N, C-alpha and C. Protein backbone atom coordinates (compact mmCIF):
# COMPACT_ATOMS: atom_id res chain seq x y z
N MET A 1 -13.82 47.01 21.57
CA MET A 1 -13.50 46.84 22.75
C MET A 1 -12.09 45.68 22.22
N GLN A 2 -10.71 46.47 22.61
CA GLN A 2 -9.73 45.85 21.61
C GLN A 2 -8.94 44.85 23.00
N PRO A 3 -8.16 43.46 22.45
CA PRO A 3 -8.14 43.03 23.79
C PRO A 3 -6.39 43.19 24.00
N GLY A 4 -6.14 42.83 24.89
CA GLY A 4 -4.43 43.35 25.25
C GLY A 4 -4.36 41.90 25.64
N ASN A 5 -2.86 41.71 25.79
CA ASN A 5 -1.78 40.70 26.26
C ASN A 5 -0.39 40.62 27.18
N LEU A 6 -0.90 40.36 28.74
CA LEU A 6 -0.16 40.14 29.34
C LEU A 6 1.45 40.06 29.09
N LEU A 7 1.54 38.73 28.18
CA LEU A 7 3.05 39.10 27.84
C LEU A 7 4.08 40.02 26.67
N ALA A 8 3.18 41.40 26.94
CA ALA A 8 3.71 42.13 25.90
C ALA A 8 4.33 43.09 26.02
N GLY A 9 5.58 43.24 26.07
CA GLY A 9 6.09 44.27 26.22
C GLY A 9 6.44 44.45 28.58
N ALA A 10 6.44 42.79 28.30
CA ALA A 10 6.98 42.67 29.66
C ALA A 10 8.16 42.53 29.60
N ASP A 11 8.75 43.02 29.28
CA ASP A 11 10.93 42.75 29.60
C ASP A 11 10.55 43.35 31.71
N PRO A 12 11.44 43.19 32.29
CA PRO A 12 11.95 43.51 33.73
C PRO A 12 12.81 44.47 33.92
N PRO A 13 11.69 45.81 34.38
CA PRO A 13 12.34 46.47 34.75
C PRO A 13 13.81 46.96 35.19
N PRO A 14 15.21 48.14 34.64
CA PRO A 14 16.38 47.18 35.49
C PRO A 14 16.45 47.24 37.11
N GLU A 15 15.84 48.14 37.88
CA GLU A 15 15.95 47.07 38.37
C GLU A 15 14.27 47.45 40.27
N GLY A 16 14.20 47.47 40.30
CA GLY A 16 13.08 47.20 41.38
C GLY A 16 11.53 46.48 40.06
N GLU A 17 10.19 47.52 40.82
CA GLU A 17 9.26 46.39 39.85
C GLU A 17 7.97 47.25 39.09
N ARG A 18 7.74 46.91 38.50
CA ARG A 18 6.91 48.00 37.02
C ARG A 18 5.52 47.36 37.43
N PHE A 19 4.59 48.54 38.66
CA PHE A 19 3.47 48.00 37.97
C PHE A 19 2.27 48.55 36.79
N GLU A 20 1.63 48.07 36.08
CA GLU A 20 1.03 48.73 34.94
C GLU A 20 -0.69 48.31 36.01
N THR A 21 -2.17 49.13 35.76
CA THR A 21 -3.40 48.89 35.69
C THR A 21 -3.67 48.39 34.46
N LEU A 22 -3.99 47.09 35.22
CA LEU A 22 -4.48 46.81 33.09
C LEU A 22 -6.34 47.07 33.10
N LEU A 23 -6.73 47.16 34.12
CA LEU A 23 -8.37 47.60 34.35
C LEU A 23 -8.63 48.55 35.80
N GLN A 24 -9.53 49.41 35.92
CA GLN A 24 -10.01 50.37 37.07
C GLN A 24 -11.27 50.22 36.33
N HIS A 25 -12.24 49.41 37.88
CA HIS A 25 -13.95 49.57 38.14
C HIS A 25 -14.14 49.46 38.54
N LYS A 26 -15.15 50.30 38.74
CA LYS A 26 -15.55 50.37 40.42
C LYS A 26 -14.59 50.06 41.80
N ASN A 27 -14.37 49.30 42.38
CA ASN A 27 -13.68 48.85 43.85
C ASN A 27 -12.88 47.70 43.43
N LEU A 28 -12.65 47.60 42.45
CA LEU A 28 -11.93 46.28 41.26
C LEU A 28 -10.57 47.24 40.89
N VAL A 29 -9.66 46.45 41.23
CA VAL A 29 -8.10 47.56 39.92
C VAL A 29 -7.21 45.55 39.76
N ILE A 30 -6.77 45.48 38.54
CA ILE A 30 -6.37 44.85 37.85
C ILE A 30 -5.34 45.10 37.73
N GLU A 31 -3.93 44.69 37.77
CA GLU A 31 -3.10 45.10 37.91
C GLU A 31 -1.37 44.82 36.97
N ARG A 32 -0.94 44.08 36.91
CA ARG A 32 0.54 43.32 36.05
C ARG A 32 1.96 44.61 36.54
N ILE A 33 2.71 43.71 37.80
CA ILE A 33 3.52 43.74 37.84
C ILE A 33 4.70 42.79 37.61
N VAL A 34 5.57 43.19 37.04
CA VAL A 34 6.97 42.96 36.67
C VAL A 34 7.72 43.36 37.54
N SER A 35 9.08 41.87 38.02
CA SER A 35 10.16 42.20 38.59
C SER A 35 10.93 41.89 38.35
N SER A 36 12.12 42.60 38.61
CA SER A 36 13.57 42.29 38.54
C SER A 36 14.01 41.94 39.41
N ALA A 37 15.39 41.12 39.29
CA ALA A 37 15.55 40.37 40.55
C ALA A 37 16.40 41.67 40.87
N ALA A 38 16.72 42.43 41.25
CA ALA A 38 17.46 44.11 41.11
C ALA A 38 15.86 44.88 42.50
N ILE A 39 15.65 44.26 43.56
CA ILE A 39 15.06 44.72 44.59
C ILE A 39 15.18 45.18 45.97
N THR A 40 15.14 45.34 46.06
CA THR A 40 14.87 46.84 47.74
C THR A 40 13.69 46.16 48.59
N PRO A 41 14.05 45.30 49.66
CA PRO A 41 12.75 44.72 50.26
C PRO A 41 11.62 45.89 50.63
N SER A 42 10.26 45.93 50.74
CA SER A 42 9.98 46.97 51.28
C SER A 42 8.77 46.21 52.33
N GLU A 43 8.14 46.69 53.07
CA GLU A 43 6.99 45.85 53.45
C GLU A 43 5.45 46.09 53.02
N TYR A 44 3.97 45.56 52.73
CA TYR A 44 3.07 46.58 52.90
C TYR A 44 2.21 45.89 53.65
N VAL A 45 1.62 47.16 53.79
CA VAL A 45 0.13 47.28 54.50
C VAL A 45 -0.87 47.96 53.72
N GLN A 46 -1.74 47.29 53.13
CA GLN A 46 -2.72 48.02 52.11
C GLN A 46 -4.06 47.77 52.93
N PRO A 47 -4.77 48.78 52.27
CA PRO A 47 -6.16 48.91 53.06
C PRO A 47 -6.62 48.05 52.22
N GLN A 48 -6.63 47.28 50.65
CA GLN A 48 -7.28 46.54 50.42
C GLN A 48 -7.40 45.05 50.02
N ASP A 49 -8.24 44.30 50.06
CA ASP A 49 -7.98 42.92 49.72
C ASP A 49 -7.06 42.94 48.75
N GLU A 50 -6.35 41.68 48.44
CA GLU A 50 -5.38 41.96 47.47
C GLU A 50 -5.51 40.10 46.46
N TRP A 51 -5.28 39.81 45.72
CA TRP A 51 -5.08 38.44 45.13
C TRP A 51 -4.29 38.29 44.61
N VAL A 52 -3.34 37.79 44.56
CA VAL A 52 -1.87 37.49 43.04
C VAL A 52 -1.68 36.63 42.72
N VAL A 53 -1.56 36.43 41.59
CA VAL A 53 -1.00 35.06 41.22
C VAL A 53 0.72 34.98 40.36
N LEU A 54 1.94 34.77 40.90
CA LEU A 54 2.85 34.57 40.17
C LEU A 54 2.84 33.98 38.55
N LEU A 55 2.92 34.53 37.54
CA LEU A 55 2.88 33.58 35.88
C LEU A 55 4.16 33.03 35.81
N GLN A 56 4.86 34.26 36.45
CA GLN A 56 5.90 33.73 35.54
C GLN A 56 7.50 33.69 36.67
N GLY A 57 8.32 32.46 36.98
CA GLY A 57 8.88 33.28 38.15
C GLY A 57 8.86 32.61 39.40
N THR A 58 9.91 32.91 40.43
CA THR A 58 9.72 32.62 41.10
C THR A 58 9.37 33.27 41.79
N ALA A 59 9.64 33.97 43.79
CA ALA A 59 9.46 34.67 44.60
C ALA A 59 9.32 33.71 46.31
N ASP A 60 10.33 34.68 47.00
CA ASP A 60 10.00 34.49 48.14
C ASP A 60 9.38 35.67 49.15
N LEU A 61 8.22 35.83 49.56
CA LEU A 61 8.19 36.11 50.45
C LEU A 61 7.33 36.58 52.08
N LYS A 62 7.37 37.01 53.00
CA LYS A 62 7.63 37.29 54.32
C LYS A 62 6.10 37.87 54.35
N VAL A 63 4.89 37.23 54.69
CA VAL A 63 3.70 36.81 55.44
C VAL A 63 3.44 37.27 56.33
N ASN A 64 2.83 38.06 57.01
CA ASN A 64 2.70 38.08 58.32
C ASN A 64 3.54 37.61 58.92
N GLY A 65 4.54 37.78 59.18
CA GLY A 65 5.82 36.68 60.19
C GLY A 65 7.09 35.89 59.67
N GLU A 66 5.90 35.13 58.63
CA GLU A 66 6.00 33.52 58.13
C GLU A 66 6.53 33.90 56.63
N PRO A 67 7.29 32.42 56.48
CA PRO A 67 7.75 32.51 55.05
C PRO A 67 7.37 31.98 54.15
N VAL A 68 6.43 32.99 52.84
CA VAL A 68 6.33 31.77 52.16
C VAL A 68 6.95 31.61 50.44
N SER A 69 6.77 30.38 50.43
CA SER A 69 8.05 30.65 48.35
C SER A 69 6.56 30.60 47.68
N LEU A 70 6.90 30.92 45.92
CA LEU A 70 6.03 30.92 45.03
C LEU A 70 6.37 30.07 43.47
N LYS A 71 6.39 29.90 43.10
CA LYS A 71 6.20 29.81 41.72
C LYS A 71 5.37 29.59 40.91
N SER A 72 5.64 29.26 39.88
CA SER A 72 5.03 30.02 38.53
C SER A 72 3.34 28.92 38.66
N GLY A 73 2.19 29.72 38.75
CA GLY A 73 0.84 29.79 38.70
C GLY A 73 1.07 29.34 40.26
N ASP A 74 1.49 29.30 41.10
CA ASP A 74 0.79 29.49 42.34
C ASP A 74 0.34 31.45 43.27
N TYR A 75 -0.89 31.49 43.64
CA TYR A 75 -1.46 32.17 44.34
C TYR A 75 -1.53 32.63 45.57
N LEU A 76 -2.35 33.61 45.87
CA LEU A 76 -2.71 34.14 46.65
C LEU A 76 -3.62 35.31 47.33
N PHE A 77 -3.71 34.37 48.68
CA PHE A 77 -4.90 35.60 49.16
C PHE A 77 -4.43 36.82 50.07
N LEU A 78 -4.06 38.12 49.96
CA LEU A 78 -3.51 38.52 51.70
C LEU A 78 -4.32 39.62 51.79
N PRO A 79 -5.73 39.70 52.49
CA PRO A 79 -6.65 40.27 52.99
C PRO A 79 -6.06 41.49 54.27
N ALA A 80 -6.86 42.87 53.43
CA ALA A 80 -6.57 44.12 53.38
C ALA A 80 -5.88 43.50 55.25
N GLY A 81 -4.96 44.71 55.57
CA GLY A 81 -3.81 45.47 56.74
C GLY A 81 -3.25 43.96 57.34
N LEU A 82 -2.55 42.88 55.88
CA LEU A 82 -2.20 41.45 56.25
C LEU A 82 -0.08 42.64 55.47
N PRO A 83 0.46 42.64 56.50
CA PRO A 83 1.67 42.98 57.03
C PRO A 83 2.61 41.32 55.38
N HIS A 84 3.01 42.11 54.29
CA HIS A 84 3.41 41.40 53.53
C HIS A 84 5.40 41.81 53.22
N THR A 85 6.18 41.39 52.78
CA THR A 85 7.14 41.71 51.92
C THR A 85 7.68 40.65 51.36
N VAL A 86 8.03 41.63 49.98
CA VAL A 86 8.65 40.31 48.85
C VAL A 86 9.98 40.73 49.19
N LYS A 87 10.58 40.01 49.57
CA LYS A 87 11.63 39.59 50.04
C LYS A 87 13.43 39.28 48.81
N ARG A 88 12.89 38.34 47.93
CA ARG A 88 13.20 38.22 46.64
C ARG A 88 12.21 37.27 45.97
N VAL A 89 12.27 38.10 44.20
CA VAL A 89 12.44 37.56 43.12
C VAL A 89 13.08 37.20 41.53
N SER A 90 12.75 36.10 41.32
CA SER A 90 13.52 35.81 39.83
C SER A 90 13.43 36.65 38.87
N GLN A 91 14.32 36.73 37.84
CA GLN A 91 14.29 38.01 36.73
C GLN A 91 13.29 37.94 36.22
N GLY A 92 12.49 38.87 36.09
CA GLY A 92 11.72 38.89 35.22
C GLY A 92 10.27 38.18 35.92
N ALA A 93 9.45 37.55 37.07
CA ALA A 93 8.51 37.72 37.69
C ALA A 93 7.70 38.35 37.23
N LEU A 94 6.72 37.82 37.11
CA LEU A 94 5.44 38.28 36.21
C LEU A 94 4.39 37.98 36.73
N TRP A 95 3.77 39.08 37.56
CA TRP A 95 2.51 38.80 38.88
C TRP A 95 1.06 39.42 38.09
N LEU A 96 -0.49 39.03 38.45
CA LEU A 96 -1.40 39.54 38.97
C LEU A 96 -2.03 40.09 39.69
N ALA A 97 -2.22 41.45 39.78
CA ALA A 97 -2.36 41.21 41.33
C ALA A 97 -4.09 41.93 41.06
N VAL A 98 -5.02 42.06 41.95
CA VAL A 98 -6.52 41.99 42.06
C VAL A 98 -6.57 42.39 43.16
N HIS A 99 -7.20 43.53 42.88
CA HIS A 99 -6.87 43.96 44.23
C HIS A 99 -8.75 44.52 44.38
N LEU A 100 -9.23 43.93 45.61
CA LEU A 100 -10.49 44.76 46.10
C LEU A 100 -10.69 45.88 46.44
N HIS A 101 -11.13 47.14 46.64
CA HIS A 101 -10.95 48.61 47.30
C HIS A 101 -12.39 47.97 48.70
N GLY A 102 -12.45 48.29 49.26
CA GLY A 102 -14.17 49.26 50.29
C GLY A 102 -13.92 50.46 49.16
N GLU A 103 -15.56 50.64 49.58
CA GLU A 103 -16.97 51.71 49.60
C GLU A 103 -16.04 52.96 49.29
N SER A 104 -15.09 52.94 50.66
CA SER A 104 -14.19 54.62 50.92
C SER A 104 -13.11 54.74 50.64
N ASP A 105 -11.79 53.30 49.53
CA ASP A 105 -10.69 53.41 49.36
C ASP A 105 -11.68 53.95 47.82
N GLU A 106 -12.89 53.33 47.50
CA GLU A 106 -13.01 53.33 45.29
C GLU A 106 -12.96 54.96 45.78
N ARG A 107 -13.72 55.59 46.94
CA ARG A 107 -13.72 57.03 46.26
C ARG A 107 -12.43 58.23 46.29
N ARG A 108 -11.53 57.58 47.29
CA ARG A 108 -10.46 58.16 46.97
C ARG A 108 -9.56 57.88 45.77
N GLY A 109 -9.60 57.23 45.64
CA GLY A 109 -8.78 56.38 43.96
C GLY A 109 -8.09 55.94 44.65
N GLN A 110 -8.06 54.76 46.05
CA GLN A 110 -6.31 54.63 46.56
C GLN A 110 -5.87 53.08 45.27
N GLN A 111 -5.06 53.48 45.17
CA GLN A 111 -4.29 52.06 44.51
C GLN A 111 -2.86 51.05 45.43
N GLY A 112 -3.28 50.04 45.45
CA GLY A 112 -2.29 49.64 46.49
C GLY A 112 -0.81 48.58 45.99
N HIS A 113 -0.34 48.42 46.80
CA HIS A 113 0.57 46.79 45.49
C HIS A 113 1.03 46.05 46.67
N PRO A 114 1.91 45.00 45.80
CA PRO A 114 1.90 44.08 46.62
C PRO A 114 2.86 44.29 47.27
C-alpha cells in the first residue's frame, strides 16, 4: 500500500473546482477538492451525508439559506438533502470531503460534491 499526500498536485484549476476521489470503499467516499477563486456558485442538494473540512484558505457558503464562513481548519456536517452553495472561496482553497452514502446510493455508485 502506497501513502498519498493531500498537498501534492494541489495547484488550483484556472476556474471552478477540481474533485479527486482519494478513497472509495463500500458506502464511503473521500474526496480532495481544490478550488479556484473563479467559481460559479451553484446549489447542491445531495442524497448522501457529507462532512467537509477546509484545510487551507477561506470560503463563504449558504447552507439551508443561512450564511456560513469558513477558514482553514473549520469543518461542517451537511446532512443528506440539505441545500448548500459555495458562494466564494480564496484561490487555492483546499478541502477534504467525506461522503457517507446509503446502501441504495452505494449500489448505484453515486457520488456527490460539496
